[in-house]
Amino acid sequence: MESDGLIPSQAEPSPDLPKLLHFKVYRRRWFVLALLCLLNSSNATLWLTFAPVADETMKTLGVSLYQVNWLSMVYMVVAIPVSCGTTWMIDKWGLRITLVLGSWLNMIGSIVRMTGALATVPDWLRFPLVLVGQTVCSLAQPLVIFSPTKLAALWFPEHQRAMANMAASMSNPLGVLLANIVSPVIISSTSSFVMLLFIYSIPPTIICFLATVGLRQSVPPTPPSASAENSSSEPFVQSIKLLLKNRSYLILLLCFGLGVAVFTCFTSLLEQILCVKGYNNAFAGQCGISICLASVACSIFAVVSQMPDQKTSVAVTCCLFGLFGFAMYPVAMELSVECSYPVGEATSAGIIFIAGQILSMVCMFLLQLLARPLSSAPLSVCAVSDETLSWRVPVLVMAGLWCLAACVFVIFFNTDYRRLQAEQAATEHTPVLSGSHDHIDAAHT
């Protein structure tokens, strides 16, 4: 290659020359990735703000345990009708509009929640205001949680795509981790419910400013890979039809949906399950830090969580569950795109998420129905004695569902990596151009 960047026609072309000619990457991709990670993490912390401190939420808002659980369940209820429109929006309108809109909803919801906890607000209005704020935050969830696969495909080359998707996807469980740490710490150190919600409103406000000012475009000027050129090539309705006919995708949808449902129930109900056996908020929050081996951990948890004075065993099983449960999320998102290509990335990932939310809502209702009141619970540290429940049957059901999902996936899931195959074919057949107009613009690489 000559120093002026021109490609001499008589030179023997390099195997990587088609990529250099047609595909480029830009430094700005790291800012877009960081912004999505922050937004995804922030939304997850807002989702699980109340679960690790359910007893304090009951006392402050003057509501029942069932109503407190609705502060988590509203995310699932809202996601089901909103998600279909969201997948279409991301594929049609692009990342910029959806991420900016998501950041504004995230910020507004967090501020409304804080307003509901103020002392000047009448007691009867507190819970409805907090629930309204939580509902606004839940509207942002599909906008940000469907975006990792889309961002990775549009902004990153194939050798960085899995890393980008993993970072953006894992930021959501990271938010769950932070909520389990921060909520008990703030309540124990300040004893102020208003301070808890005020602190949680700061990150969404900063992220909203960064997204509004810093996010300029949905896609880079030049695509980073062959698949990025054909992103969202199928119409939305046709994409749905293709997904419903794809056996591998449907198996992945069922297995990952069950995994999401169990994980959601685990993180939402953990404090309530453990407080009956004498484990306090701080310890429950620490276990929530680290929610085929995940099914084993879930099964062990079903046993040890019903025993008093087993802090080490409970903590270790939660760590194992978290380690392997978190890891399945980015892998499932990548698999959903690979097995369904050329369906749009937001559509293939979004439908799986919708299935997970539906199953999560069903499981939350089911597990609460299976929990039975305890006539005597001498070890209980739950806030209200008449809300003390036995969770023996629900945790066994959770373990059974997780094991079922793991077995079905291992036995029946098999797929071709369609996107990778399409990229390889496109690279092999890309014509090598020559002449003065064929510059390799590496300035933005």
Protein backbone atom coordinates (compact mmCIF):
# COMPACT_ATOMS: atom_id res chain seq x y z
CA MET A 1 0.00 0.00 0.00
CA GLU A 2 1.36 3.38 -0.96
CA SER A 3 1.97 6.10 1.58
CA ASP A 4 -0.71 8.37 0.13
CA GLY A 5 -3.39 5.75 0.85
CA LEU A 6 -4.11 4.83 -2.79
CA ILE A 7 -4.44 1.20 -3.81
CA PRO A 8 -2.34 0.32 -6.87
CA SER A 9 -4.31 -1.77 -9.34
CA GLN A 10 -1.39 -4.09 -10.04
CA ALA A 11 -0.84 -5.09 -6.36
CA GLU A 12 -1.98 -8.44 -5.06
CA PRO A 13 -5.03 -7.69 -2.83
CA SER A 14 -4.87 -8.60 0.83
CA PRO A 15 -7.62 -10.88 2.22
CA ASP A 16 -8.59 -8.04 4.59
CA LEU A 17 -8.78 -5.45 1.81
CA PRO A 18 -12.58 -5.63 1.28
CA LYS A 19 -13.14 -4.85 4.96
CA LEU A 20 -10.74 -1.92 4.86
CA LEU A 21 -12.39 -0.51 1.76
CA HIS A 22 -15.99 -0.77 2.89
CA PHE A 23 -16.12 -1.04 6.70
CA LYS A 24 -14.80 1.45 9.24
CA VAL A 25 -15.16 2.00 12.98
CA TYR A 26 -15.24 5.26 14.92
CA ARG A 27 -13.99 6.26 18.36
CA ARG A 28 -17.42 7.66 19.23
CA ARG A 29 -18.69 4.09 19.52
CA TRP A 30 -17.16 3.89 22.99
CA PHE A 31 -19.13 6.92 24.17
CA VAL A 32 -22.38 5.44 22.83
CA LEU A 33 -21.59 2.13 24.54
CA ALA A 34 -20.74 3.82 27.86
CA LEU A 35 -23.95 5.86 27.71
CA LEU A 36 -26.08 2.76 27.13
CA CYS A 37 -24.31 0.92 29.97
CA LEU A 38 -25.00 3.79 32.40
CA LEU A 39 -28.63 4.08 31.29
CA ASN A 40 -29.24 0.35 31.51
CA SER A 41 -27.66 0.11 34.95
CA SER A 42 -29.56 3.14 36.24
CA ASN A 43 -32.90 1.76 35.08
CA ALA A 44 -32.21 -1.55 36.83
CA THR A 45 -31.39 0.19 40.13
CA LEU A 46 -34.70 2.07 39.90
CA TRP A 47 -36.51 -1.21 39.27
CA LEU A 48 -35.17 -2.94 42.40
CA THR A 49 -34.90 0.06 44.71
CA PHE A 50 -37.55 -1.26 47.09
CA ALA A 51 -37.08 -5.05 46.98
CA PRO A 52 -34.05 -5.20 49.36
CA VAL A 53 -35.83 -2.91 51.87
CA ALA A 54 -39.39 -4.18 51.51
CA ASP A 55 -40.08 -3.94 55.24
CA GLU A 56 -39.00 -0.29 55.42
CA THR A 57 -41.05 0.50 52.32
CA MET A 58 -44.12 -1.00 53.98
CA LYS A 59 -43.67 1.14 57.10
CA THR A 60 -42.90 4.40 55.30
CA LEU A 61 -45.63 4.21 52.67
CA GLY A 62 -48.16 2.49 54.94
CA VAL A 63 -48.91 -0.33 52.52
CA SER A 64 -48.97 -4.13 52.49
CA LEU A 65 -46.26 -6.47 51.27
CA TYR A 66 -48.38 -7.26 48.23
CA GLN A 67 -48.44 -3.57 47.28
CA VAL A 68 -44.66 -3.28 47.74
CA ASN A 69 -44.20 -6.17 45.32
CA TRP A 70 -46.17 -4.21 42.75
CA LEU A 71 -43.37 -1.64 42.68
CA SER A 72 -41.27 -4.37 41.04
CA MET A 73 -44.05 -6.10 39.13
CA VAL A 74 -45.12 -2.91 37.36
CA TYR A 75 -41.99 -3.23 35.21
CA MET A 76 -43.24 -6.58 33.93
CA VAL A 77 -46.82 -5.43 33.40
CA VAL A 78 -45.80 -2.33 31.45
CA ALA A 79 -43.16 -4.13 29.39
CA ILE A 80 -45.64 -6.56 27.82
CA PRO A 81 -47.80 -4.04 25.85
CA VAL A 82 -44.99 -1.51 25.31
CA SER A 83 -42.28 -3.87 24.07
CA CYS A 84 -43.72 -4.65 20.63
CA GLY A 85 -43.87 -0.96 19.78
CA THR A 86 -40.39 -0.49 21.21
CA THR A 87 -38.79 -3.13 18.98
CA TRP A 88 -40.35 -1.47 15.94
CA MET A 89 -39.21 1.97 17.15
CA ILE A 90 -35.58 0.92 17.65
CA ASP A 91 -35.35 -0.79 14.27
CA LYS A 92 -37.20 2.02 12.45
CA TRP A 93 -36.25 5.27 14.25
CA GLY A 94 -32.78 4.30 15.40
CA LEU A 95 -30.81 4.33 18.63
CA ARG A 96 -30.56 8.09 19.15
CA ILE A 97 -34.29 8.78 19.53
CA THR A 98 -34.95 5.70 21.64
CA LEU A 99 -32.02 6.23 24.01
CA VAL A 100 -32.72 9.94 24.51
CA LEU A 101 -36.40 9.19 25.14
CA GLY A 102 -35.44 6.40 27.54
CA SER A 103 -33.11 8.70 29.49
CA TRP A 104 -35.84 11.33 29.90
CA LEU A 105 -38.40 8.78 31.09
CA ASN A 106 -35.81 7.39 33.51
CA MET A 107 -35.12 10.84 34.98
CA ILE A 108 -38.75 11.98 35.20
CA GLY A 109 -39.82 8.72 36.86
CA SER A 110 -37.07 8.93 39.48
CA ILE A 111 -38.06 12.51 40.37
CA VAL A 112 -41.76 11.64 40.66
CA ARG A 113 -40.87 8.74 43.01
CA MET A 114 -38.88 11.09 45.23
CA THR A 115 -41.76 13.57 45.31
CA GLY A 116 -44.08 10.84 46.57
CA ALA A 117 -41.88 10.24 49.62
CA LEU A 118 -41.79 13.87 50.79
CA ALA A 119 -43.25 14.61 54.23
CA THR A 120 -45.50 17.33 52.78
CA VAL A 121 -47.37 14.78 50.66
CA PRO A 122 -50.55 13.37 52.29
CA ASP A 123 -50.27 9.77 53.46
CA TRP A 124 -52.95 8.53 51.07
CA LEU A 125 -51.08 10.03 48.08
CA ARG A 126 -47.59 8.69 48.81
CA PHE A 127 -47.85 5.18 47.44
CA PRO A 128 -49.80 6.22 44.28
CA LEU A 129 -47.13 8.85 43.47
CA VAL A 130 -44.28 6.40 44.01
CA LEU A 131 -46.09 3.84 41.86
CA VAL A 132 -46.67 6.42 39.09
CA GLY A 133 -42.96 7.30 39.13
CA GLN A 134 -42.05 3.63 39.02
CA THR A 135 -44.40 3.17 36.07
CA VAL A 136 -42.70 6.01 34.15
CA CYS A 137 -39.32 4.38 34.83
CA SER A 138 -40.69 1.07 33.57
CA LEU A 139 -41.58 2.71 30.24
CA ALA A 140 -37.87 3.35 29.74
CA GLN A 141 -36.85 -0.27 30.37
CA PRO A 142 -37.71 -1.75 26.94
CA LEU A 143 -36.08 1.21 25.21
CA VAL A 144 -32.71 0.52 26.84
CA ILE A 145 -32.76 -3.22 27.41
CA PHE A 146 -33.47 -4.01 23.73
CA SER A 147 -30.63 -1.79 22.51
CA PRO A 148 -27.38 -3.74 23.27
CA THR A 149 -27.59 -6.10 20.30
CA LYS A 150 -28.56 -3.23 18.00
CA LEU A 151 -25.72 -1.01 19.20
CA ALA A 152 -23.17 -3.82 18.93
CA ALA A 153 -24.27 -4.61 15.39
CA LEU A 154 -24.34 -1.03 14.12
CA TRP A 155 -21.25 0.46 15.79
CA PHE A 156 -18.77 -2.38 16.38
CA PRO A 157 -16.84 -4.72 14.06
CA GLU A 158 -17.44 -8.45 14.34
CA HIS A 159 -14.43 -9.08 16.60
CA GLN A 160 -15.68 -6.51 19.16
CA ARG A 161 -19.40 -7.16 18.82
CA ALA A 162 -19.68 -9.83 21.54
CA MET A 163 -17.70 -7.66 23.95
CA ALA A 164 -19.93 -4.63 23.31
CA ASN A 165 -23.10 -6.67 23.69
CA MET A 166 -21.81 -8.26 26.90
CA ALA A 167 -20.87 -4.89 28.43
CA ALA A 168 -24.20 -3.27 27.55
CA SER A 169 -26.25 -6.30 28.60
CA MET A 170 -24.40 -6.98 31.85
CA SER A 171 -24.87 -3.38 32.96
CA ASN A 172 -28.48 -4.29 33.75
CA PRO A 173 -27.54 -7.02 36.27
CA LEU A 174 -24.91 -4.61 37.57
CA GLY A 175 -27.75 -2.23 38.39
CA VAL A 176 -29.49 -5.06 40.24
CA LEU A 177 -26.27 -5.60 42.18
CA LEU A 178 -26.03 -1.91 43.09
CA ALA A 179 -29.65 -1.75 44.23
CA ASN A 180 -29.09 -4.69 46.58
CA ILE A 181 -26.04 -2.95 48.04
CA VAL A 182 -27.15 0.68 48.09
CA SER A 183 -30.74 0.43 49.34
CA PRO A 184 -29.97 -1.37 52.65
CA VAL A 185 -26.86 0.79 53.23
CA ILE A 186 -28.71 4.08 52.77
CA ILE A 187 -31.66 3.04 54.92
CA SER A 188 -29.42 1.74 57.72
CA SER A 189 -27.15 4.81 57.70
CA THR A 190 -29.70 7.60 57.20
CA SER A 191 -33.03 6.04 58.23
CA SER A 192 -34.50 8.32 55.56
CA PHE A 193 -36.69 6.99 52.79
CA VAL A 194 -36.64 10.39 51.06
CA MET A 195 -32.82 10.37 51.02
CA LEU A 196 -32.91 6.90 49.45
CA LEU A 197 -35.04 8.09 46.54
CA PHE A 198 -33.13 11.38 46.22
CA ILE A 199 -29.82 9.54 45.80
CA TYR A 200 -31.38 7.26 43.20
CA SER A 201 -32.59 10.29 41.19
CA ILE A 202 -29.09 11.77 40.72
CA PRO A 203 -27.61 9.28 38.18
CA PRO A 204 -30.68 9.38 35.87
CA THR A 205 -30.47 13.19 35.76
CA ILE A 206 -26.78 13.16 34.79
CA ILE A 207 -27.31 10.42 32.20
CA CYS A 208 -30.25 12.30 30.67
CA PHE A 209 -28.04 15.37 30.18
CA LEU A 210 -25.24 13.30 28.59
CA ALA A 211 -27.66 11.53 26.24
CA THR A 212 -29.46 14.69 25.16
CA VAL A 213 -26.28 16.68 24.52
CA GLY A 214 -23.78 14.00 23.50
CA LEU A 215 -25.74 11.52 21.38
CA ARG A 216 -25.72 13.00 17.87
CA GLN A 217 -26.48 10.09 15.52
CA SER A 218 -28.01 6.62 15.50
CA VAL A 219 -25.49 5.01 13.16
CA PRO A 220 -21.89 5.78 12.15
CA PRO A 221 -21.25 7.29 8.70
CA THR A 222 -19.79 3.99 7.49
CA PRO A 223 -20.91 0.52 8.66
CA PRO A 224 -18.42 -1.54 10.70
CA SER A 225 -19.37 -4.92 9.18
CA ALA A 226 -21.32 -6.61 6.41
CA SER A 227 -24.27 -7.41 8.67
CA ALA A 228 -24.55 -3.76 9.74
CA GLU A 229 -25.35 -2.85 6.12
CA ASN A 230 -28.38 -5.14 6.24
CA SER A 231 -29.54 -4.41 9.79
CA SER A 232 -33.35 -4.45 10.02
CA SER A 233 -33.59 -5.56 6.40
CA GLU A 234 -36.82 -7.46 7.09
CA PRO A 235 -40.12 -5.57 7.73
CA PHE A 236 -41.41 -5.82 11.29
CA VAL A 237 -44.47 -8.01 10.58
CA GLN A 238 -42.43 -10.29 8.33
CA SER A 239 -39.78 -10.50 11.05
CA ILE A 240 -42.37 -11.74 13.56
CA LYS A 241 -43.52 -14.41 11.11
CA LEU A 242 -39.95 -15.57 10.55
CA LEU A 243 -39.32 -15.79 14.30
CA LEU A 244 -42.47 -17.83 14.92
CA LYS A 245 -41.34 -20.34 12.27
CA ASN A 246 -37.80 -20.62 13.66
CA ARG A 247 -37.57 -23.72 15.88
CA SER A 248 -34.21 -22.84 17.43
CA TYR A 249 -35.41 -19.34 18.27
CA LEU A 250 -38.59 -20.63 19.92
CA ILE A 251 -36.60 -23.04 22.11
CA LEU A 252 -34.28 -20.20 23.10
CA LEU A 253 -37.30 -18.01 23.83
CA LEU A 254 -38.83 -20.60 26.16
CA CYS A 255 -35.62 -21.45 28.02
CA PHE A 256 -34.33 -17.90 28.39
CA GLY A 257 -37.82 -16.67 29.28
CA LEU A 258 -38.02 -19.17 32.13
CA GLY A 259 -34.54 -18.16 33.25
CA VAL A 260 -35.51 -14.48 33.30
CA ALA A 261 -38.70 -15.31 35.22
CA VAL A 262 -36.87 -17.25 37.92
CA PHE A 263 -34.14 -14.64 38.19
CA THR A 264 -36.70 -11.82 38.45
CA CYS A 265 -38.62 -13.62 41.18
CA PHE A 266 -35.38 -14.42 42.98
CA THR A 267 -34.20 -10.80 43.09
CA SER A 268 -37.65 -9.37 43.86
CA LEU A 269 -38.56 -11.78 46.66
CA LEU A 270 -35.13 -12.52 48.18
CA GLU A 271 -35.52 -10.25 51.22
CA GLN A 272 -38.97 -11.64 51.96
CA ILE A 273 -37.77 -15.24 51.68
CA LEU A 274 -34.80 -14.76 53.99
CA CYS A 275 -36.29 -12.49 56.66
CA VAL A 276 -38.58 -15.32 57.84
CA LYS A 277 -35.53 -17.32 58.88
CA GLY A 278 -33.88 -14.45 60.72
CA TYR A 279 -31.67 -12.98 57.96
CA ASN A 280 -31.78 -9.16 58.04
CA ASN A 281 -31.93 -6.62 55.19
CA ALA A 282 -28.17 -6.09 55.01
CA PHE A 283 -27.46 -9.79 54.58
CA ALA A 284 -30.27 -10.22 52.03
CA GLY A 285 -28.86 -7.31 50.06
CA GLN A 286 -25.37 -8.80 50.10
CA CYS A 287 -26.73 -12.10 48.77
CA GLY A 288 -28.56 -10.23 46.02
CA ILE A 289 -25.18 -8.89 44.86
CA SER A 290 -24.39 -12.11 43.03
CA ILE A 291 -27.53 -13.77 41.96
CA CYS A 292 -26.32 -25.40 33.65
CA LEU A 293 -24.53 -24.52 37.16
CA ALA A 294 -27.09 -21.83 37.90
CA SER A 295 -29.75 -24.53 38.08
CA VAL A 296 -27.64 -26.40 40.66
CA ALA A 297 -27.19 -23.24 42.70
CA CYS A 298 -30.91 -22.51 42.52
CA SER A 299 -31.71 -26.03 43.73
CA ILE A 300 -29.27 -25.75 46.63
CA PHE A 301 -30.72 -22.36 47.55
CA ALA A 302 -34.19 -23.92 47.72
CA VAL A 303 -32.88 -26.11 50.57
CA VAL A 304 -30.50 -23.89 52.52
CA SER A 305 -32.79 -20.84 52.45
CA GLN A 306 -35.24 -22.75 54.66
CA MET A 307 -32.62 -23.33 57.36
CA PRO A 308 -31.67 -20.80 60.06
CA ASP A 309 -28.05 -19.85 60.78
CA GLN A 310 -26.72 -20.85 57.36
CA LYS A 311 -25.30 -17.51 56.21
CA THR A 312 -22.26 -18.98 54.50
CA SER A 313 -24.28 -21.56 52.55
CA VAL A 314 -26.90 -19.04 51.48
CA ALA A 315 -24.27 -16.50 50.42
CA VAL A 316 -22.27 -19.06 48.41
CA THR A 317 -25.33 -20.37 46.54
CA CYS A 318 -26.42 -16.81 45.75
CA CYS A 319 -22.95 -16.08 44.39
CA LEU A 320 -23.03 -19.17 42.17
CA PHE A 321 -26.56 -18.39 41.00
CA GLY A 322 -25.54 -14.84 40.17
CA LEU A 323 -22.27 -15.80 38.48
CA PHE A 324 -23.84 -18.25 36.05
CA GLY A 325 -27.28 -16.61 35.86
CA PHE A 326 -25.85 -13.24 34.82
CA ALA A 327 -23.60 -14.88 32.24
CA MET A 328 -26.53 -16.36 30.33
CA TYR A 329 -28.02 -12.96 29.45
CA PRO A 330 -25.51 -11.61 26.89
CA VAL A 331 -25.01 -15.10 25.45
CA ALA A 332 -28.77 -15.50 24.91
CA MET A 333 -28.99 -12.06 23.29
CA GLU A 334 -26.19 -12.90 20.85
CA LEU A 335 -27.72 -16.30 20.08
CA SER A 336 -31.12 -14.71 19.40
CA VAL A 337 -29.56 -12.51 16.71
CA GLU A 338 -27.41 -15.28 15.21
CA CYS A 339 -30.21 -17.82 14.88
CA SER A 340 -32.78 -15.34 13.52
CA TYR A 341 -30.71 -13.23 11.06
CA PRO A 342 -31.73 -11.21 8.98
CA VAL A 343 -34.46 -10.24 11.44
CA GLY A 344 -33.66 -6.89 13.10
CA GLU A 345 -31.54 -7.11 16.25
CA ALA A 346 -34.00 -5.20 18.42
CA THR A 347 -36.88 -7.38 17.25
CA SER A 348 -35.19 -10.74 17.89
CA ALA A 349 -33.88 -9.66 21.31
CA GLY A 350 -37.08 -7.82 22.19
CA ILE A 351 -39.46 -10.72 21.64
CA ILE A 352 -37.36 -12.89 23.96
CA PHE A 353 -37.48 -10.15 26.58
CA ILE A 354 -41.27 -9.88 26.24
CA ALA A 355 -41.57 -13.63 26.81
CA GLY A 356 -39.38 -13.29 29.90
CA GLN A 357 -41.56 -10.49 31.28
CA ILE A 358 -44.78 -12.45 30.70
CA LEU A 359 -43.36 -15.52 32.41
CA SER A 360 -41.95 -13.33 35.21
CA MET A 361 -45.36 -11.86 35.94
CA VAL A 362 -46.98 -15.30 35.93
CA CYS A 363 -44.29 -16.68 38.24
CA MET A 364 -44.54 -13.74 40.65
CA PHE A 365 -48.29 -14.28 41.02
CA LEU A 366 -47.86 -18.04 41.29
CA LEU A 367 -45.10 -17.91 43.91
CA GLN A 368 -47.02 -15.44 46.06
CA LEU A 369 -50.08 -17.69 45.88
CA LEU A 370 -48.00 -20.68 46.94
CA ALA A 371 -46.54 -18.84 49.95
CA ARG A 372 -48.46 -19.70 53.12
CA PRO A 373 -48.87 -17.65 56.32
CA LEU A 374 -46.83 -18.85 59.30
CA SER A 375 -48.59 -19.12 62.65
CA SER A 376 -45.26 -19.00 64.45
CA ALA A 377 -41.94 -17.63 63.21
CA PRO A 378 -39.69 -16.94 66.21
CA LEU A 379 -36.64 -16.15 64.06
CA SER A 380 -38.44 -13.70 61.77
CA VAL A 381 -37.02 -10.20 61.34
CA CYS A 382 -39.75 -9.20 58.86
CA ALA A 383 -41.26 -5.80 59.59
CA VAL A 384 -44.89 -6.86 60.13
CA SER A 385 -45.72 -10.13 61.87
CA ASP A 386 -49.04 -10.77 60.09
CA GLU A 387 -47.18 -10.60 56.74
CA THR A 388 -44.79 -13.43 57.69
CA LEU A 389 -44.99 -16.18 55.08
CA SER A 390 -43.46 -19.58 54.46
CA TRP A 391 -41.56 -19.68 51.14
CA ARG A 392 -40.65 -23.38 51.20
CA VAL A 393 -42.87 -24.39 48.26
CA PRO A 394 -42.15 -21.29 46.11
CA VAL A 395 -38.36 -21.73 46.23
CA LEU A 396 -38.71 -25.40 45.25
CA VAL A 397 -40.87 -24.34 42.30
CA MET A 398 -38.22 -21.80 41.26
CA ALA A 399 -35.55 -24.50 41.33
CA GLY A 400 -37.73 -26.84 39.27
CA LEU A 401 -38.42 -24.22 36.60
CA TRP A 402 -34.74 -23.35 36.27
CA CYS A 403 -33.73 -26.99 35.94
CA LEU A 404 -36.46 -27.52 33.33
CA ALA A 405 -35.19 -24.60 31.26
CA ALA A 406 -31.59 -25.87 31.48
CA CYS A 407 -32.53 -29.40 30.40
CA VAL A 408 -34.68 -28.29 27.46
CA PHE A 409 -31.94 -25.98 26.20
CA VAL A 410 -29.14 -28.55 26.44
CA ILE A 411 -31.17 -31.31 24.78
CA PHE A 412 -33.06 -29.47 22.04
CA PHE A 413 -31.28 -26.23 21.11
CA ASN A 414 -29.19 -26.36 17.94
CA THR A 415 -28.68 -23.59 15.40
CA ASP A 416 -26.52 -22.25 12.60
CA TYR A 417 -24.80 -18.90 13.18
CA ARG A 418 -26.56 -17.17 10.32
CA ARG A 419 -25.18 -13.67 10.82
CA LEU A 420 -21.58 -14.87 10.95
CA GLN A 421 -22.13 -16.98 7.85
CA ALA A 422 -23.66 -14.02 6.00
CA GLU A 423 -20.71 -11.80 6.92
CA GLN A 424 -18.21 -14.39 5.76
CA ALA A 425 -20.03 -14.78 2.46
CA ALA A 426 -20.24 -11.00 1.96
CA THR A 427 -16.52 -10.60 2.65
CA GLU A 428 -15.58 -13.34 0.19
CA HIS A 429 -17.66 -11.82 -2.62
CA THR A 430 -16.91 -8.13 -2.06
CA PRO A 431 -15.19 -6.79 -5.21
CA VAL A 432 -11.74 -5.27 -4.78
CA LEU A 433 -11.80 -1.76 -6.20
CA SER A 434 -8.89 0.26 -7.57
CA GLY A 435 -8.25 3.78 -8.75
CA SER A 436 -7.74 7.24 -7.35
CA HIS A 437 -11.18 7.40 -5.72
CA ASP A 438 -10.66 4.29 -3.57
CA HIS A 439 -9.15 5.70 -0.40
CA ILE A 440 -8.87 3.88 2.88
CA ASP A 441 -10.08 6.46 5.38
CA ALA A 442 -8.42 5.42 8.63
CA ALA A 443 -8.74 8.78 10.32
CA HIS A 444 -11.78 7.67 12.31
CA THR A 445 -10.61 4.12 12.99
